[in-house]
Amino acid sequence: MGGVLLQKEIFEKYLAHQMKRMMSLDRSAKDESGIAALIVTLIELGRQAGEIRGDLPAALAVDFFLFVFIEAAKPYYQNPEGYNQARAVDRSAELFVNGLRPVL
């Protein structure tokens, strides 16, 4: 995430692009950034290991991962001085893996 934090202008454009792509009903547009291929691989490995459910479409899992990633980085741009990267990543990973279930 360090590179994301150092390249604010570029990442902000990337965020806008990803949000627009995720909101589009046209699924024929490819993600040219390359991050989607990495996310697909991570999702597949998680499914093979039984850590990520396999009954949902892969595209849904990829978009959810991207959403969670964006939400982990967004607070930095809103309040850089108060941003706690480790906490943001931990919370986002927890959300991705466990959804909105209460933590017991």
Protein backbone atom coordinates (compact mmCIF):
# COMPACT_ATOMS: atom_id res chain seq x y z
CA MET A 1 0.00 0.00 0.00
CA GLY A 2 3.03 2.26 0.32
CA GLY A 3 3.09 3.05 -3.40
CA VAL A 4 -0.59 3.93 -3.28
CA LEU A 5 0.05 6.45 -0.55
CA LEU A 6 3.00 8.05 -2.34
CA GLN A 7 1.24 8.56 -5.67
CA LYS A 8 -1.88 10.47 -4.62
CA GLU A 9 -2.74 11.99 -8.00
CA ILE A 10 -2.27 8.75 -9.91
CA PHE A 11 -4.12 6.67 -7.35
CA GLU A 12 -6.99 9.14 -7.21
CA LYS A 13 -7.43 8.76 -10.98
CA TYR A 14 -7.22 4.98 -10.60
CA LEU A 15 -9.88 5.06 -7.86
CA ALA A 16 -12.21 7.10 -10.05
CA HIS A 17 -11.62 4.71 -12.97
CA GLN A 18 -12.28 1.61 -10.85
CA MET A 19 -15.42 3.06 -9.26
CA LYS A 20 -16.77 4.01 -12.70
CA ARG A 21 -15.93 0.54 -14.05
CA MET A 22 -17.57 -1.21 -11.08
CA MET A 23 -20.71 0.90 -11.43
CA SER A 24 -20.99 0.31 -15.19
CA LEU A 25 -23.52 -2.19 -16.40
CA ASP A 26 -21.29 -2.85 -19.42
CA ARG A 27 -19.14 -5.79 -18.30
CA SER A 28 -17.36 -6.04 -21.67
CA ALA A 29 -14.81 -3.39 -20.68
CA LYS A 30 -11.55 -5.00 -19.57
CA ASP A 31 -9.51 -3.79 -16.60
CA GLU A 32 -6.25 -2.79 -18.24
CA SER A 33 -4.43 -1.98 -14.99
CA GLY A 34 -3.39 -5.57 -14.37
CA ILE A 35 -4.59 -5.50 -10.78
CA ALA A 36 -7.71 -7.46 -11.71
CA ALA A 37 -5.59 -10.43 -12.82
CA LEU A 38 -3.77 -10.37 -9.48
CA ILE A 39 -7.06 -10.18 -7.58
CA VAL A 40 -8.53 -13.06 -9.61
CA THR A 41 -5.48 -15.15 -8.69
CA LEU A 42 -5.83 -14.24 -5.00
CA ILE A 43 -9.54 -15.09 -5.05
CA GLU A 44 -8.87 -18.42 -6.77
CA LEU A 45 -6.13 -19.34 -4.29
CA GLY A 46 -8.44 -18.41 -1.42
CA ARG A 47 -11.20 -20.56 -2.88
CA GLN A 48 -8.85 -23.52 -3.35
CA ALA A 49 -7.72 -23.19 0.26
CA GLY A 50 -11.33 -23.03 1.46
CA GLU A 51 -10.82 -19.52 2.86
CA ILE A 52 -13.12 -17.80 0.37
CA ARG A 53 -16.52 -19.16 -0.59
CA GLY A 54 -16.78 -20.52 -4.09
CA ASP A 55 -20.53 -20.32 -4.65
CA LEU A 56 -20.50 -16.70 -5.83
CA PRO A 57 -19.44 -15.43 -9.26
CA ALA A 58 -15.74 -14.59 -9.45
CA ALA A 59 -16.56 -11.12 -10.84
CA LEU A 60 -18.55 -10.35 -7.67
CA ALA A 61 -15.64 -11.37 -5.46
CA VAL A 62 -13.19 -9.29 -7.54
CA ASP A 63 -15.40 -6.19 -7.40
CA PHE A 64 -15.91 -6.64 -3.65
CA PHE A 65 -12.14 -6.94 -3.17
CA LEU A 66 -11.58 -3.75 -5.18
CA PHE A 67 -14.25 -1.95 -3.17
CA VAL A 68 -12.64 -3.00 0.11
CA PHE A 69 -9.20 -1.98 -1.19
CA ILE A 70 -10.49 1.45 -2.18
CA GLU A 71 -12.13 1.86 1.23
CA ALA A 72 -8.82 0.99 2.93
CA ALA A 73 -6.95 3.71 1.03
CA LYS A 74 -9.60 6.44 0.89
CA PRO A 75 -9.22 7.62 4.53
CA TYR A 76 -5.57 8.45 3.86
CA TYR A 77 -6.58 11.03 1.30
CA GLN A 78 -9.25 12.42 3.60
CA ASN A 79 -6.97 12.71 6.65
CA PRO A 80 -3.30 11.79 6.00
CA GLU A 81 -2.13 12.76 9.50
CA GLY A 82 -4.68 10.54 11.24
CA TYR A 83 -4.36 7.58 8.90
CA ASN A 84 -3.29 4.30 10.45
CA GLN A 85 -2.30 2.03 7.57
CA ALA A 86 -2.07 -1.18 9.60
CA ARG A 87 -5.48 -0.60 11.15
CA ALA A 88 -7.05 0.27 7.78
CA VAL A 89 -5.65 -2.85 6.11
CA ASP A 90 -6.61 -5.10 9.04
CA ARG A 91 -10.17 -3.76 9.10
CA SER A 92 -10.51 -4.06 5.34
CA ALA A 93 -9.15 -7.61 5.27
CA GLU A 94 -11.54 -8.53 8.08
CA LEU A 95 -14.46 -7.03 6.13
CA PHE A 96 -13.48 -8.85 2.96
CA VAL A 97 -13.11 -12.25 4.64
CA ASN A 98 -15.97 -12.06 7.16
CA GLY A 99 -18.40 -9.55 5.68
CA LEU A 100 -20.48 -7.61 8.16
CA ARG A 101 -20.87 -10.43 10.67
CA PRO A 102 -20.34 -9.25 14.24
CA VAL A 103 -16.88 -10.00 15.60
CA LEU A 104 -17.28 -12.40 18.54
